[in-house]
């Protein structure tokens, strides 16, 4: 077993995993897994730049993570940065800040690399599951983008498209700097049209409809599962590998789209940082399920972070 650390910095959140990993057997023993909502992608879709306050929130989280990594004694750290930092003109400021705090440069990965990490993290532990028919479609609904990956043991096709819960919220639900609460019918229709266009784009390279098992990753999907189960608090063990039917996803999405901020915030399993963006994320999930005719989504708590950790451990073994 190799002790490694992985950081995934996305548009909405920055997450840390420290784990002992055996890449040969697929065994991963989690030592610390945590998430901080930093909203790094605040305004990026509109301005093309990372906001100073968003950078400072992210650097504060990096300082907390540096202390955890040092305490647990990880042999190697890999820091992967995704959609927001790909899009920003001032991403060099971000790179310098992370390097100063953590001693490694953030890798601004391509959408295809992001998709491969997500697929590995989500499916490595599914080997031998006879109740889950291949090929899998792994869908990682992030803040700025969504990754689609179809594969069996290996990735067959992957595509990242610029549709995520933060990007859709900022693009369609913000008027004069304020989020419409709840959205209008016209706003929902425009958001849905944008999502459908992104699915068309994804289908140009990924055979979405060939999938037999839909595996959903990231906060929008896990929060929908928590709501579906009426959990009294967010419970990773209850959420991991839970299954949510298409009808239940539709019901939850409709409620989220027509609820107020206060009503969503009152959901006991809702992270405060997701209250304003969860409706858009749920709509992305619903649109995917309807596009491929999925009767259910298998929800995974293991995702890009786990995929990064496996890759780091492989690199350490080869070194």
Protein backbone atom coordinates (compact mmCIF):
# COMPACT_ATOMS: atom_id res chain seq x y z
CA UNK A 1 0.00 0.00 0.00
CA UNK A 2 1.22 3.48 -0.89
CA UNK A 3 0.08 6.55 1.05
CA UNK A 4 -0.85 9.31 -1.37
CA UNK A 5 -2.79 12.57 -1.44
CA UNK A 6 -5.05 13.82 -4.21
CA UNK A 7 -6.66 17.23 -4.57
CA UNK A 8 -9.41 17.99 -7.06
CA UNK A 9 -10.05 21.70 -7.51
CA UNK A 10 -13.18 22.32 -9.53
CA UNK A 11 -15.44 25.24 -10.30
CA UNK A 12 -17.48 24.97 -7.10
CA UNK A 13 -15.44 22.98 -4.59
CA UNK A 14 -11.94 21.86 -3.68
CA UNK A 15 -11.61 18.34 -2.29
CA UNK A 16 -8.87 16.35 -0.61
CA UNK A 17 -8.32 12.60 -0.34
CA UNK A 18 -5.47 11.03 1.62
CA UNK A 19 -5.47 7.25 1.26
CA UNK A 20 -3.42 4.08 1.34
CA UNK A 21 -3.74 2.61 -2.15
CA UNK A 22 -2.88 -0.68 -3.88
CA UNK A 23 -3.31 0.03 -7.60
CA UNK A 24 -2.98 -3.65 -8.51
CA UNK A 25 -5.92 -4.90 -6.42
CA UNK A 26 -7.98 -1.72 -6.56
CA UNK A 27 -7.95 -1.49 -2.77
CA UNK A 28 -8.17 2.02 -1.36
CA UNK A 29 -8.19 2.69 2.39
CA UNK A 30 -9.43 6.21 3.01
CA UNK A 31 -7.64 8.15 5.76
CA UNK A 32 -9.12 11.59 5.19
CA UNK A 33 -11.63 12.90 2.68
CA UNK A 34 -12.97 16.41 2.89
CA UNK A 35 -14.52 19.15 0.78
CA UNK A 36 -14.69 22.93 1.01
CA UNK A 37 -16.98 24.97 -1.24
CA UNK A 38 -14.80 27.83 -2.51
CA UNK A 39 -16.68 28.78 -5.72
CA UNK A 40 -13.41 29.28 -7.62
CA UNK A 41 -15.44 29.67 -10.80
CA UNK A 42 -17.36 32.69 -9.48
CA UNK A 43 -18.05 34.90 -12.51
CA UNK A 44 -15.58 33.11 -14.82
CA UNK A 45 -18.23 32.39 -17.45
CA UNK A 46 -18.95 36.14 -17.63
CA UNK A 47 -15.53 37.76 -17.05
CA UNK A 48 -13.05 35.11 -18.17
CA UNK A 49 -11.03 35.71 -14.98
CA UNK A 50 -10.73 34.19 -11.51
CA UNK A 51 -12.04 36.70 -8.96
CA UNK A 52 -9.56 37.81 -6.24
CA UNK A 53 -11.93 36.77 -3.45
CA UNK A 54 -12.45 33.35 -5.08
CA UNK A 55 -8.68 32.85 -5.27
CA UNK A 56 -8.28 33.78 -1.59
CA UNK A 57 -11.01 31.32 -0.54
CA UNK A 58 -9.23 28.61 -2.53
CA UNK A 59 -5.80 29.43 -1.07
CA UNK A 60 -7.24 29.33 2.47
CA UNK A 61 -8.53 25.81 1.76
CA UNK A 62 -5.11 24.84 0.35
CA UNK A 63 -3.45 25.93 3.60
CA UNK A 64 -5.84 23.71 5.58
CA UNK A 65 -5.16 20.78 3.26
CA UNK A 66 -1.37 21.27 3.48
CA UNK A 67 -1.57 20.76 7.24
CA UNK A 68 -3.60 17.54 6.85
CA UNK A 69 -1.23 16.11 4.23
CA UNK A 70 1.79 16.84 6.41
CA UNK A 71 0.16 15.31 9.49
CA UNK A 72 -0.76 12.07 7.69
CA UNK A 73 2.59 11.76 5.91
CA UNK A 74 1.51 11.21 2.30
CA UNK A 75 4.41 10.15 0.06
CA UNK A 76 3.23 12.16 -2.93
CA UNK A 77 0.57 14.73 -3.77
CA UNK A 78 -1.11 15.38 -7.08
CA UNK A 79 -3.24 18.50 -7.51
CA UNK A 80 -5.67 18.45 -10.42
CA UNK A 81 -7.51 21.60 -11.44
CA UNK A 82 -10.51 21.38 -13.71
CA UNK A 83 -12.99 23.56 -15.54
CA UNK A 84 -12.73 27.04 -13.96
CA UNK A 85 -8.94 27.22 -14.12
CA UNK A 86 -8.94 25.96 -17.72
CA UNK A 87 -11.12 28.89 -18.73
CA UNK A 88 -9.48 31.76 -16.80
CA UNK A 89 -7.13 34.35 -18.32
CA UNK A 90 -5.33 34.83 -14.99
CA UNK A 91 -4.79 31.15 -14.23
CA UNK A 92 -1.07 31.88 -13.64
CA UNK A 93 -2.04 33.66 -10.40
CA UNK A 94 -3.78 30.49 -9.32
CA UNK A 95 -0.81 28.28 -10.24
CA UNK A 96 1.67 30.44 -8.32
CA UNK A 97 -0.52 30.53 -5.20
CA UNK A 98 -0.97 26.76 -5.09
CA UNK A 99 2.74 26.15 -5.67
CA UNK A 100 3.67 28.47 -2.80
CA UNK A 101 1.29 26.74 -0.36
CA UNK A 102 1.50 23.06 -1.34
CA UNK A 103 4.81 22.79 -3.14
CA UNK A 104 3.28 21.32 -6.30
CA UNK A 105 1.91 22.95 -9.41
CA UNK A 106 -1.76 22.35 -10.13
CA UNK A 107 -2.23 20.31 -13.28
CA UNK A 108 -4.85 21.99 -15.40
CA UNK A 109 -6.06 18.78 -17.01
CA UNK A 110 -8.00 18.44 -20.22
CA UNK A 111 -11.60 17.35 -20.15
CA UNK A 112 -10.59 13.95 -21.52
CA UNK A 113 -8.06 13.43 -18.72
CA UNK A 114 -10.65 14.49 -16.18
CA UNK A 115 -13.07 11.96 -17.66
CA UNK A 116 -10.54 9.12 -17.42
CA UNK A 117 -9.80 9.89 -13.76
CA UNK A 118 -13.53 9.92 -13.01
CA UNK A 119 -14.11 6.61 -14.79
CA UNK A 120 -11.27 4.89 -12.95
CA UNK A 121 -12.37 6.21 -9.57
CA UNK A 122 -16.00 5.25 -10.07
CA UNK A 123 -15.62 1.81 -11.64
CA UNK A 124 -12.45 0.20 -10.22
CA UNK A 125 -14.40 -1.21 -7.26
CA UNK A 126 -17.32 -2.41 -9.42
CA UNK A 127 -15.39 -5.36 -10.85
CA UNK A 128 -17.33 -8.58 -10.40
CA UNK A 129 -20.68 -6.89 -9.74
CA UNK A 130 -23.09 -9.12 -11.68
CA UNK A 131 -26.05 -6.81 -10.97
CA UNK A 132 -24.46 -3.96 -12.94
CA UNK A 133 -24.43 -4.56 -16.68
CA UNK A 134 -21.65 -3.12 -18.86
CA UNK A 135 -20.87 -0.89 -20.58
CA UNK A 136 -21.02 1.85 -17.96
CA UNK A 137 -21.76 5.48 -18.63
CA UNK A 138 -20.00 7.49 -15.94
CA UNK A 139 -21.31 11.03 -15.65
CA UNK A 140 -19.46 13.56 -13.49
CA UNK A 141 -21.63 16.68 -13.10
CA UNK A 142 -19.32 19.42 -11.89
CA UNK A 143 -19.66 23.12 -11.36
CA UNK A 144 -18.43 24.26 -14.76
CA UNK A 145 -18.47 21.13 -16.89
CA UNK A 146 -19.85 17.62 -17.14
CA UNK A 147 -17.75 14.64 -18.17
CA UNK A 148 -19.25 11.69 -20.05
CA UNK A 149 -17.30 8.43 -20.20
CA UNK A 150 -18.42 5.12 -21.71
CA UNK A 151 -16.37 2.02 -21.03
CA UNK A 152 -16.13 -1.55 -19.80
CA UNK A 153 -12.82 -2.27 -18.08
CA UNK A 154 -11.24 0.65 -19.94
CA UNK A 155 -12.48 3.94 -21.33
CA UNK A 156 -13.96 3.58 -24.81
CA UNK A 157 -14.98 7.17 -25.38
CA UNK A 158 -15.04 10.36 -23.35
CA UNK A 159 -16.13 13.96 -23.75
CA UNK A 160 -16.28 17.00 -21.50
CA UNK A 161 -18.87 19.69 -22.21
CA UNK A 162 -19.30 23.10 -20.60
CA UNK A 163 -22.48 22.38 -18.68
CA UNK A 164 -22.31 22.35 -14.89
CA UNK A 165 -24.41 23.46 -11.96
CA UNK A 166 -22.56 26.76 -11.36
CA UNK A 167 -22.20 27.66 -15.03
CA UNK A 168 -25.89 26.97 -15.76
CA UNK A 169 -27.00 28.91 -12.68
CA UNK A 170 -24.88 31.95 -13.50
CA UNK A 171 -25.73 31.86 -17.20
CA UNK A 172 -29.49 31.44 -16.90
CA UNK A 173 -30.75 32.16 -13.40
CA UNK A 174 -28.90 35.36 -12.43
CA UNK A 175 -30.59 38.70 -13.20
CA UNK A 176 -28.94 41.98 -12.12
CA UNK A 177 -26.57 40.08 -9.88
CA UNK A 178 -29.31 38.18 -8.05
CA UNK A 179 -30.40 34.57 -8.49
CA UNK A 180 -34.07 34.32 -9.46
CA UNK A 181 -35.85 32.51 -6.63
CA UNK A 182 -37.49 30.38 -7.87
CA UNK A 183 -36.61 30.46 -11.61
CA UNK A 184 -39.19 31.47 -14.19
CA UNK A 185 -40.55 29.03 -16.76
CA UNK A 186 -38.56 30.86 -19.46
CA UNK A 187 -35.32 30.58 -17.49
CA UNK A 188 -35.81 26.85 -16.95
CA UNK A 189 -36.57 26.35 -20.66
CA UNK A 190 -33.42 28.24 -21.69
CA UNK A 191 -31.32 26.22 -19.27
CA UNK A 192 -32.81 22.97 -20.53
CA UNK A 193 -32.11 23.97 -24.15
CA UNK A 194 -28.48 24.68 -23.26
CA UNK A 195 -28.16 21.28 -21.59
CA UNK A 196 -29.74 19.49 -24.55
CA UNK A 197 -27.31 21.21 -26.94
CA UNK A 198 -24.42 20.01 -24.75
CA UNK A 199 -25.79 16.46 -24.85
CA UNK A 200 -25.90 16.68 -28.64
CA UNK A 201 -22.24 17.69 -28.54
CA UNK A 202 -21.33 14.83 -26.21
CA UNK A 203 -23.12 12.31 -28.45
CA UNK A 204 -20.92 13.29 -31.39
CA UNK A 205 -18.06 11.32 -29.80
CA UNK A 206 -19.55 9.28 -26.93
CA UNK A 207 -22.19 6.58 -27.63
CA UNK A 208 -24.32 7.56 -24.64
CA UNK A 209 -27.25 5.32 -25.55
CA UNK A 210 -25.12 2.17 -25.69
CA UNK A 211 -24.63 2.30 -21.92
CA UNK A 212 -26.45 -0.25 -19.77
CA UNK A 213 -25.58 1.18 -16.34
CA UNK A 214 -25.55 4.90 -15.55
CA UNK A 215 -23.11 5.83 -12.75
CA UNK A 216 -23.50 9.37 -11.43
CA UNK A 217 -20.77 11.29 -9.60
CA UNK A 218 -20.23 14.57 -7.73
CA UNK A 219 -22.24 16.78 -5.42
CA UNK A 220 -25.35 17.37 -7.49
CA UNK A 221 -25.94 13.64 -7.91
CA UNK A 222 -25.08 12.68 -4.33
CA UNK A 223 -27.33 15.43 -2.99
CA UNK A 224 -30.24 14.19 -5.10
CA UNK A 225 -29.67 10.74 -3.59
CA UNK A 226 -29.62 12.19 -0.07
CA UNK A 227 -32.93 13.95 -0.75
CA UNK A 228 -34.42 10.80 -2.28
CA UNK A 229 -33.57 8.87 0.89
CA UNK A 230 -34.80 11.67 3.20
CA UNK A 231 -31.53 11.45 5.10
CA UNK A 232 -31.45 13.41 8.37
CA UNK A 233 -27.91 14.51 7.46
CA UNK A 234 -25.45 13.93 4.67
CA UNK A 235 -24.33 10.29 5.01
CA UNK A 236 -21.69 9.11 2.54
CA UNK A 237 -22.14 5.44 3.45
CA UNK A 238 -25.88 5.58 2.73
CA UNK A 239 -25.34 7.47 -0.51
CA UNK A 240 -22.50 5.38 -1.95
CA UNK A 241 -23.90 2.88 -4.48
CA UNK A 242 -27.48 3.89 -3.74
CA UNK A 243 -29.87 3.82 -6.69
CA UNK A 244 -32.34 6.53 -7.58
CA UNK A 245 -35.08 5.90 -10.12
CA UNK A 246 -35.80 8.20 -13.05
CA UNK A 247 -39.23 9.05 -11.63
CA UNK A 248 -37.72 10.04 -8.28
CA UNK A 249 -35.05 12.18 -9.97
CA UNK A 250 -37.78 13.92 -11.96
CA UNK A 251 -39.87 14.59 -8.83
CA UNK A 252 -36.87 15.98 -6.93
CA UNK A 253 -35.75 18.13 -9.86
CA UNK A 254 -39.23 19.62 -10.27
CA UNK A 255 -39.34 20.45 -6.57
CA UNK A 256 -35.88 22.02 -6.60
CA UNK A 257 -36.68 24.15 -9.65
CA UNK A 258 -39.85 25.50 -8.04
CA UNK A 259 -38.62 25.88 -4.46
CA UNK A 260 -37.23 28.95 -2.74
CA UNK A 261 -33.76 29.40 -1.31
CA UNK A 262 -35.14 28.98 2.20
CA UNK A 263 -36.93 25.75 1.32
CA UNK A 264 -33.81 24.22 -0.23
CA UNK A 265 -31.62 25.40 2.66
CA UNK A 266 -33.98 23.63 5.08
CA UNK A 267 -33.16 20.23 3.55
CA UNK A 268 -31.02 18.60 6.30
CA UNK A 269 -28.62 16.88 3.89
CA UNK A 270 -28.04 20.02 1.78
CA UNK A 271 -24.58 21.58 1.92
CA UNK A 272 -24.98 25.37 2.25
CA UNK A 273 -22.74 25.89 -0.76
CA UNK A 274 -25.09 23.88 -3.00
CA UNK A 275 -28.37 25.60 -2.12
CA UNK A 276 -28.30 28.01 -5.08
CA UNK A 277 -26.86 25.62 -7.69
CA UNK A 278 -28.47 22.25 -6.91
CA UNK A 279 -31.52 22.83 -9.09
CA UNK A 280 -29.37 23.31 -12.18
CA UNK A 281 -27.29 20.24 -11.31
CA UNK A 282 -30.37 18.09 -10.84
CA UNK A 283 -31.73 19.27 -14.19
CA UNK A 284 -28.51 18.17 -15.90
CA UNK A 285 -28.90 14.71 -14.34
CA UNK A 286 -32.55 14.46 -15.35
CA UNK A 287 -31.81 15.49 -18.93
CA UNK A 288 -29.08 12.83 -19.20
CA UNK A 289 -31.37 10.11 -17.86
CA UNK A 290 -34.10 11.08 -20.31
CA UNK A 291 -31.68 11.24 -23.23
CA UNK A 292 -30.40 7.68 -22.71
CA UNK A 293 -33.62 6.17 -21.33
CA UNK A 294 -32.04 5.28 -17.97
CA UNK A 295 -34.48 3.82 -15.45
CA UNK A 296 -32.12 4.59 -12.57
CA UNK A 297 -28.77 6.11 -11.67
CA UNK A 298 -26.21 4.31 -9.50
CA UNK A 299 -24.70 6.97 -7.25
CA UNK A 300 -20.99 6.82 -6.41
CA UNK A 301 -19.06 8.74 -3.78
CA UNK A 302 -15.85 7.55 -5.45
CA UNK A 303 -14.91 9.71 -8.38
CA UNK A 304 -12.11 11.79 -9.86
CA UNK A 305 -10.33 12.00 -6.47
CA UNK A 306 -10.07 8.22 -6.23
CA UNK A 307 -8.93 8.03 -9.85
CA UNK A 308 -6.18 10.57 -9.16
CA UNK A 309 -5.10 8.63 -6.06
CA UNK A 310 -4.81 5.37 -8.03
CA UNK A 311 -2.75 7.14 -10.69
CA UNK A 312 -0.41 8.69 -8.10
CA UNK A 313 0.14 5.29 -6.46
CA UNK A 314 0.93 3.72 -9.86
CA UNK A 315 3.47 6.47 -10.54
CA UNK A 316 5.12 5.93 -7.14
CA UNK A 317 5.41 2.16 -7.79
CA UNK A 318 6.97 2.74 -11.20
CA UNK A 319 9.46 5.33 -9.90
